[in-house]
Amino acid sequence: MTKCWTMLAAASLIAAPAMARESAIHPAVVSDPAPDAAYPAAMHAFVIPAQDGAMNALLYAAAGPGLHPTLLLLHGFPGNEQNLDLAQAARRAGWHVLTLHYRGSWGSPGAFSFAHAAQDAHGALAFLREPANVARYRIDTGAIVVAGHSMGGFMAADAVADDPRVAGLFLIDPWDPAQTVAALATPEGEAAWKEEVAGDLPPLAGASYDSLTAEIRGDGAHFDLGRRLAAMGRRPVSIIGAERGIAAMARKVAADAQAANPEAALMVWPTDHSFSDRRIALADALVRFLHRVAPTIR
């Protein structure tokens, strides 16, 4: 979700609160840990099967012995911003990080759809808990967190709402399909959505404007980020919106999350949807959230 939804969101934005500032940037964001000769940091590439397709995936494996807490990091629609700087920061903080391309996106086999992307997020969590993968990659299944950007924010919340074993949720300017459907009732909203989808289709296979729009219109009870967040209960949730992105959506769904969990956190920063000028701050926020959920050595 990019510039078109910025225009739709702008009319309903209110003044953003000042960005929270820590006394110092977390060391994992700005410095490398000492190398571990016995258990070095590594990268593992593989394919995760997914019904009629597969997900091309990467695991950023943290250094050090023993089991590691693990972050599932989901990109948006179509995923031009991969947020791999966040993956590297989380790994330096002692977390494994699994990233992937949904079926039908960026060369992953199969057809892309919002329903498939949601299934793929669930499938990635299942992959992290398969006994063979737990043993091979030394995954602490009691400390799994899911993070998502834009569309990936909805997919992250959808997976976590259905899985009470996930320890926490971190959303980056998340997309709410229900608010998109509401906007489609206006000519301006429909035109913006058409422009958005047209610009994002090239890296996606098997999807069209009509198919994607029919999905979110046809299953409004499911494609509702606020409802999915309310189903999280009192597990840790952090939402960071982008004032020049789709922060209006973040504000609305944060209210739903806080109704179920008053400790669910919302911050809105004066940046764009990709956090282009707040990458260090975003990495710092993520690492500090992960540390609160499952403290590591760094």
Protein backbone atom coordinates (compact mmCIF):
# COMPACT_ATOMS: atom_id res chain seq x y z
CA MET A 1 0.00 0.00 0.00
CA THR A 2 1.77 3.15 -1.18
CA LYS A 3 1.13 6.66 -2.43
CA CYS A 4 -2.52 6.24 -3.43
CA TRP A 5 -3.56 5.23 0.06
CA THR A 6 -1.56 8.13 1.45
CA MET A 7 -4.03 10.43 -0.28
CA LEU A 8 -7.02 8.51 1.06
CA ALA A 9 -5.68 8.53 4.61
CA ALA A 10 -4.66 12.18 4.71
CA ALA A 11 -8.15 13.57 5.14
CA SER A 12 -8.76 11.63 8.34
CA LEU A 13 -5.37 12.05 9.99
CA ILE A 14 -5.10 14.05 13.18
CA ALA A 15 -1.92 15.45 14.65
CA ALA A 16 0.49 12.60 15.34
CA PRO A 17 2.00 12.22 18.78
CA ALA A 18 5.70 12.86 19.02
CA MET A 19 7.87 9.88 18.17
CA ALA A 20 8.94 8.05 21.31
CA ARG A 21 12.64 8.49 21.91
CA GLU A 22 14.85 6.10 23.82
CA SER A 23 17.90 7.42 25.62
CA ALA A 24 20.13 5.52 23.17
CA ILE A 25 19.78 3.30 20.12
CA HIS A 26 19.83 -0.39 21.01
CA PRO A 27 23.34 -1.81 20.38
CA ALA A 28 22.00 -4.50 18.05
CA VAL A 29 20.79 -1.82 15.64
CA VAL A 30 24.15 -0.11 15.20
CA SER A 31 26.89 -2.61 16.05
CA ASP A 32 27.85 -6.19 15.24
CA PRO A 33 28.15 -8.74 18.05
CA ALA A 34 31.39 -10.61 18.63
CA PRO A 35 31.68 -13.54 16.20
CA ASP A 36 30.87 -17.00 17.55
CA ALA A 37 33.21 -19.53 15.94
CA ALA A 38 31.25 -22.54 17.18
CA TYR A 39 27.77 -21.20 16.34
CA PRO A 40 28.18 -18.46 13.71
CA ALA A 41 25.36 -16.38 12.28
CA ALA A 42 24.16 -17.85 8.99
CA MET A 43 21.58 -17.64 6.23
CA HIS A 44 19.51 -20.60 5.05
CA ALA A 45 17.51 -20.53 1.81
CA PHE A 46 14.75 -23.04 1.18
CA VAL A 47 11.22 -23.50 -0.18
CA ILE A 48 8.21 -23.97 2.08
CA PRO A 49 5.45 -26.04 0.40
CA ALA A 50 2.06 -24.33 0.28
CA GLN A 51 -0.84 -26.32 -1.15
CA ASP A 52 -0.85 -25.48 -4.88
CA GLY A 53 2.44 -23.58 -4.76
CA ALA A 54 5.36 -22.78 -2.49
CA MET A 55 7.05 -19.94 -0.66
CA ASN A 56 10.64 -18.97 -1.41
CA ALA A 57 12.04 -18.31 2.05
CA LEU A 58 15.16 -17.24 3.94
CA LEU A 59 16.06 -17.84 7.56
CA TYR A 60 18.49 -15.36 9.07
CA ALA A 61 19.99 -17.56 11.79
CA ALA A 62 21.40 -15.84 14.86
CA ALA A 63 24.79 -16.69 16.33
CA GLY A 64 25.18 -18.55 19.58
CA PRO A 65 24.33 -21.94 21.08
CA GLY A 66 21.00 -23.18 22.33
CA LEU A 67 17.50 -22.37 21.19
CA HIS A 68 16.75 -18.96 19.71
CA PRO A 69 13.58 -16.85 19.78
CA THR A 70 12.30 -16.43 16.25
CA LEU A 71 10.63 -13.62 14.31
CA LEU A 72 8.40 -14.24 11.30
CA LEU A 73 8.67 -11.05 9.19
CA LEU A 74 6.00 -10.54 6.51
CA HIS A 75 6.25 -8.03 3.67
CA GLY A 76 3.47 -6.01 2.11
CA PHE A 77 1.69 -5.72 -1.24
CA PRO A 78 3.53 -6.42 -3.43
CA GLY A 79 6.62 -6.23 -1.20
CA ASN A 80 8.92 -3.64 -2.75
CA GLU A 81 10.12 -2.81 0.77
CA GLN A 82 11.44 -6.08 2.18
CA ASN A 83 12.50 -4.66 5.58
CA LEU A 84 15.59 -6.83 5.57
CA ASP A 85 17.45 -4.22 7.60
CA LEU A 86 15.00 -5.08 10.37
CA ALA A 87 15.78 -8.77 9.91
CA GLN A 88 19.49 -8.08 10.29
CA ALA A 89 18.97 -5.99 13.42
CA ALA A 90 16.79 -8.66 15.00
CA ARG A 91 19.40 -11.30 14.20
CA ARG A 92 22.14 -9.21 15.80
CA ALA A 93 19.88 -9.07 18.88
CA GLY A 94 19.89 -12.87 19.06
CA TRP A 95 16.71 -13.67 17.11
CA HIS A 96 16.30 -15.96 14.14
CA VAL A 97 14.24 -14.25 11.43
CA LEU A 98 12.16 -16.04 8.78
CA THR A 99 11.26 -14.01 5.69
CA LEU A 100 9.35 -15.25 2.68
CA HIS A 101 7.56 -14.42 -0.55
CA TYR A 102 3.91 -15.44 -0.60
CA ARG A 103 2.69 -17.85 -3.25
CA GLY A 104 2.59 -16.16 -6.62
CA SER A 105 4.79 -13.23 -5.54
CA TRP A 106 8.31 -12.44 -6.67
CA GLY A 107 8.86 -15.83 -8.30
CA SER A 108 7.32 -18.07 -5.66
CA PRO A 109 5.30 -20.81 -7.40
CA GLY A 110 1.51 -20.58 -7.39
CA ALA A 111 -1.13 -17.88 -7.67
CA PHE A 112 -1.20 -14.79 -5.48
CA SER A 113 -4.32 -13.85 -3.58
CA PHE A 114 -5.01 -12.27 -0.22
CA ALA A 115 -6.47 -15.57 0.99
CA HIS A 116 -3.35 -17.41 -0.11
CA ALA A 117 -1.11 -14.87 1.61
CA ALA A 118 -3.04 -15.39 4.86
CA GLN A 119 -2.71 -19.16 4.50
CA ASP A 120 1.00 -18.73 3.82
CA ALA A 121 1.49 -16.82 7.06
CA HIS A 122 -0.19 -19.66 8.93
CA GLY A 123 1.93 -22.15 7.00
CA ALA A 124 5.13 -20.34 7.92
CA LEU A 125 4.27 -20.60 11.62
CA ALA A 126 3.64 -24.31 11.17
CA PHE A 127 7.03 -24.63 9.46
CA LEU A 128 8.76 -23.04 12.46
CA ARG A 129 7.21 -25.64 14.75
CA GLU A 130 7.91 -28.77 12.71
CA PRO A 131 10.15 -30.94 14.91
CA ALA A 132 12.77 -31.43 12.20
CA ASN A 133 13.05 -27.68 11.65
CA VAL A 134 13.10 -26.95 15.38
CA ALA A 135 16.02 -29.35 15.78
CA ARG A 136 17.91 -28.24 12.68
CA TYR A 137 17.64 -24.51 13.26
CA ARG A 138 17.42 -24.54 17.08
CA ILE A 139 14.11 -22.66 17.28
CA ASP A 140 12.57 -21.72 20.63
CA THR A 141 8.93 -22.44 19.83
CA GLY A 142 7.87 -20.75 23.06
CA ALA A 143 9.24 -17.41 21.82
CA ILE A 144 7.88 -16.79 18.32
CA VAL A 145 6.80 -13.26 17.33
CA VAL A 146 5.20 -12.16 14.05
CA ALA A 147 5.79 -8.76 12.44
CA GLY A 148 4.22 -7.40 9.28
CA HIS A 149 4.37 -4.27 7.15
CA SER A 150 1.36 -2.88 5.29
CA MET A 151 -0.58 -5.84 3.84
CA GLY A 152 1.80 -8.05 5.78
CA GLY A 153 0.43 -6.40 8.90
CA PHE A 154 -3.00 -7.84 8.21
CA MET A 155 -1.50 -11.26 7.40
CA ALA A 156 0.53 -11.17 10.62
CA ALA A 157 -2.49 -10.27 12.75
CA ASP A 158 -4.63 -12.88 11.02
CA ALA A 159 -2.11 -15.63 11.78
CA VAL A 160 -1.52 -14.53 15.37
CA ALA A 161 -5.24 -14.22 16.14
CA ASP A 162 -5.66 -17.88 15.21
CA ASP A 163 -2.56 -19.06 17.09
CA PRO A 164 -2.50 -18.42 20.86
CA ARG A 165 1.04 -19.81 21.10
CA VAL A 166 2.53 -16.78 19.31
CA ALA A 167 4.16 -14.53 21.89
CA GLY A 168 3.63 -11.10 20.32
CA LEU A 169 2.74 -9.00 17.29
CA PHE A 170 4.53 -5.98 15.77
CA LEU A 171 2.73 -4.04 13.01
CA ILE A 172 4.30 -1.45 10.70
CA ASP A 173 1.76 0.94 9.14
CA PRO A 174 -0.68 -1.95 8.75
CA TRP A 175 -3.31 -2.21 6.04
CA ASP A 176 -6.94 -2.80 7.02
CA PRO A 177 -8.91 -4.35 4.14
CA ALA A 178 -12.19 -3.39 5.80
CA GLN A 179 -11.31 0.29 5.58
CA THR A 180 -10.33 -0.16 1.94
CA VAL A 181 -13.74 -1.69 1.23
CA ALA A 182 -15.43 1.27 2.91
CA ALA A 183 -13.37 3.66 0.78
CA LEU A 184 -14.48 1.86 -2.38
CA ALA A 185 -17.95 3.32 -1.86
CA THR A 186 -16.61 6.65 -3.11
CA PRO A 187 -15.38 7.39 -6.64
CA GLU A 188 -12.12 8.77 -5.22
CA GLY A 189 -11.55 5.68 -3.14
CA GLU A 190 -12.26 3.32 -6.01
CA ALA A 191 -9.94 5.25 -8.34
CA ALA A 192 -7.13 5.21 -5.77
CA TRP A 193 -7.51 1.47 -5.19
CA LYS A 194 -7.47 0.78 -8.93
CA GLU A 195 -4.28 2.80 -9.30
CA GLU A 196 -2.71 1.05 -6.32
CA VAL A 197 -3.47 -2.44 -7.60
CA ALA A 198 -2.37 -1.63 -11.16
CA GLY A 199 1.01 -0.47 -9.91
CA ASP A 200 1.52 -3.48 -7.65
CA LEU A 201 0.45 -6.34 -9.94
CA PRO A 202 3.66 -6.81 -12.02
CA PRO A 203 5.52 -9.00 -9.46
CA LEU A 204 2.37 -11.04 -8.73
CA ALA A 205 1.11 -14.08 -10.64
CA GLY A 206 -2.51 -15.14 -11.02
CA ALA A 207 -4.06 -12.01 -9.53
CA SER A 208 -6.11 -9.16 -11.00
CA TYR A 209 -7.89 -6.06 -9.79
CA ASP A 210 -11.22 -7.88 -10.00
CA SER A 211 -10.05 -10.99 -8.13
CA LEU A 212 -8.36 -9.08 -5.31
CA THR A 213 -11.24 -6.64 -4.88
CA ALA A 214 -13.80 -9.45 -4.87
CA GLU A 215 -11.88 -11.15 -2.06
CA ILE A 216 -11.99 -8.28 0.37
CA ARG A 217 -15.55 -7.34 -0.58
CA GLY A 218 -16.80 -10.91 -0.34
CA ASP A 219 -15.48 -11.83 3.10
CA GLY A 220 -15.69 -8.66 5.13
CA ALA A 221 -16.02 -10.51 8.43
CA HIS A 222 -12.59 -12.06 7.92
CA PHE A 223 -10.74 -9.24 6.17
CA ASP A 224 -11.14 -6.86 9.08
CA LEU A 225 -7.90 -5.99 10.85
CA GLY A 226 -9.63 -4.52 13.90
CA ARG A 227 -11.50 -7.75 14.53
CA ARG A 228 -8.34 -9.80 14.14
CA LEU A 229 -6.51 -7.58 16.64
CA ALA A 230 -9.36 -7.83 19.12
CA ALA A 231 -8.95 -11.62 18.95
CA MET A 232 -5.33 -11.30 20.14
CA GLY A 233 -6.38 -10.93 23.74
CA ARG A 234 -3.77 -9.47 26.06
CA ARG A 235 -0.64 -10.62 24.27
CA PRO A 236 1.95 -7.90 23.52
CA VAL A 237 1.02 -5.78 20.51
CA SER A 238 2.88 -2.78 19.10
CA ILE A 239 1.59 -0.74 16.16
CA ILE A 240 3.62 1.99 14.47
CA GLY A 241 1.81 4.10 11.90
CA ALA A 242 3.26 6.45 9.30
CA GLU A 243 1.65 9.88 9.13
CA ARG A 244 2.41 10.21 5.41
CA GLY A 245 1.33 6.61 4.86
CA ILE A 246 -1.87 4.98 6.12
CA ALA A 247 -1.76 6.01 9.77
CA ALA A 248 -5.50 6.64 9.77
CA MET A 249 -5.95 2.89 9.43
CA ALA A 250 -3.46 2.24 12.22
CA ARG A 251 -5.28 4.60 14.56
CA LYS A 252 -8.65 2.98 13.94
CA VAL A 253 -7.50 -0.61 14.40
CA ALA A 254 -5.38 0.32 17.42
CA ALA A 255 -8.59 1.39 19.15
CA ASP A 256 -9.99 -2.10 18.54
CA ALA A 257 -6.82 -3.70 19.87
CA GLN A 258 -6.83 -1.48 22.97
CA ALA A 259 -10.46 -2.33 23.71
CA ALA A 260 -9.34 -5.93 24.21
CA ASN A 261 -5.88 -5.10 25.56
CA PRO A 262 -5.35 -1.65 27.10
CA GLU A 263 -1.59 -2.21 26.96
CA ALA A 264 -1.54 -2.51 23.16
CA ALA A 265 0.79 0.28 22.02
CA LEU A 266 0.32 2.76 19.18
CA MET A 267 2.83 5.29 17.89
CA VAL A 268 2.44 7.43 14.77
CA TRP A 269 5.63 8.83 13.27
CA PRO A 270 6.05 11.69 10.77
CA THR A 271 7.32 9.54 7.92
CA ASP A 272 6.15 7.82 4.75
CA HIS A 273 4.66 4.35 4.34
CA SER A 274 8.10 2.80 3.81
CA PHE A 275 9.62 4.62 6.81
CA SER A 276 12.25 5.87 4.38
CA ASP A 277 13.74 8.38 6.82
CA ARG A 278 13.11 6.41 10.03
CA ARG A 279 14.85 3.08 9.38
CA ILE A 280 17.16 3.23 12.40
CA ALA A 281 14.31 4.28 14.67
CA LEU A 282 12.10 1.50 13.27
CA ALA A 283 14.77 -1.13 13.82
CA ASP A 284 15.30 0.17 17.34
CA ALA A 285 11.58 -0.04 18.11
CA LEU A 286 11.38 -3.60 16.80
CA VAL A 287 14.45 -4.81 18.71
CA ARG A 288 13.20 -3.25 21.95
CA PHE A 289 9.79 -4.86 21.47
CA LEU A 290 11.41 -8.26 20.87
CA HIS A 291 13.56 -7.82 23.96
CA ARG A 292 10.48 -7.14 26.07
CA VAL A 293 8.78 -10.28 24.74
CA ALA A 294 11.81 -12.58 25.10
CA PRO A 295 15.01 -11.04 26.47
CA THR A 296 18.26 -12.20 24.89
CA ILE A 297 21.87 -11.60 25.80
CA ARG A 298 22.24 -8.36 23.84
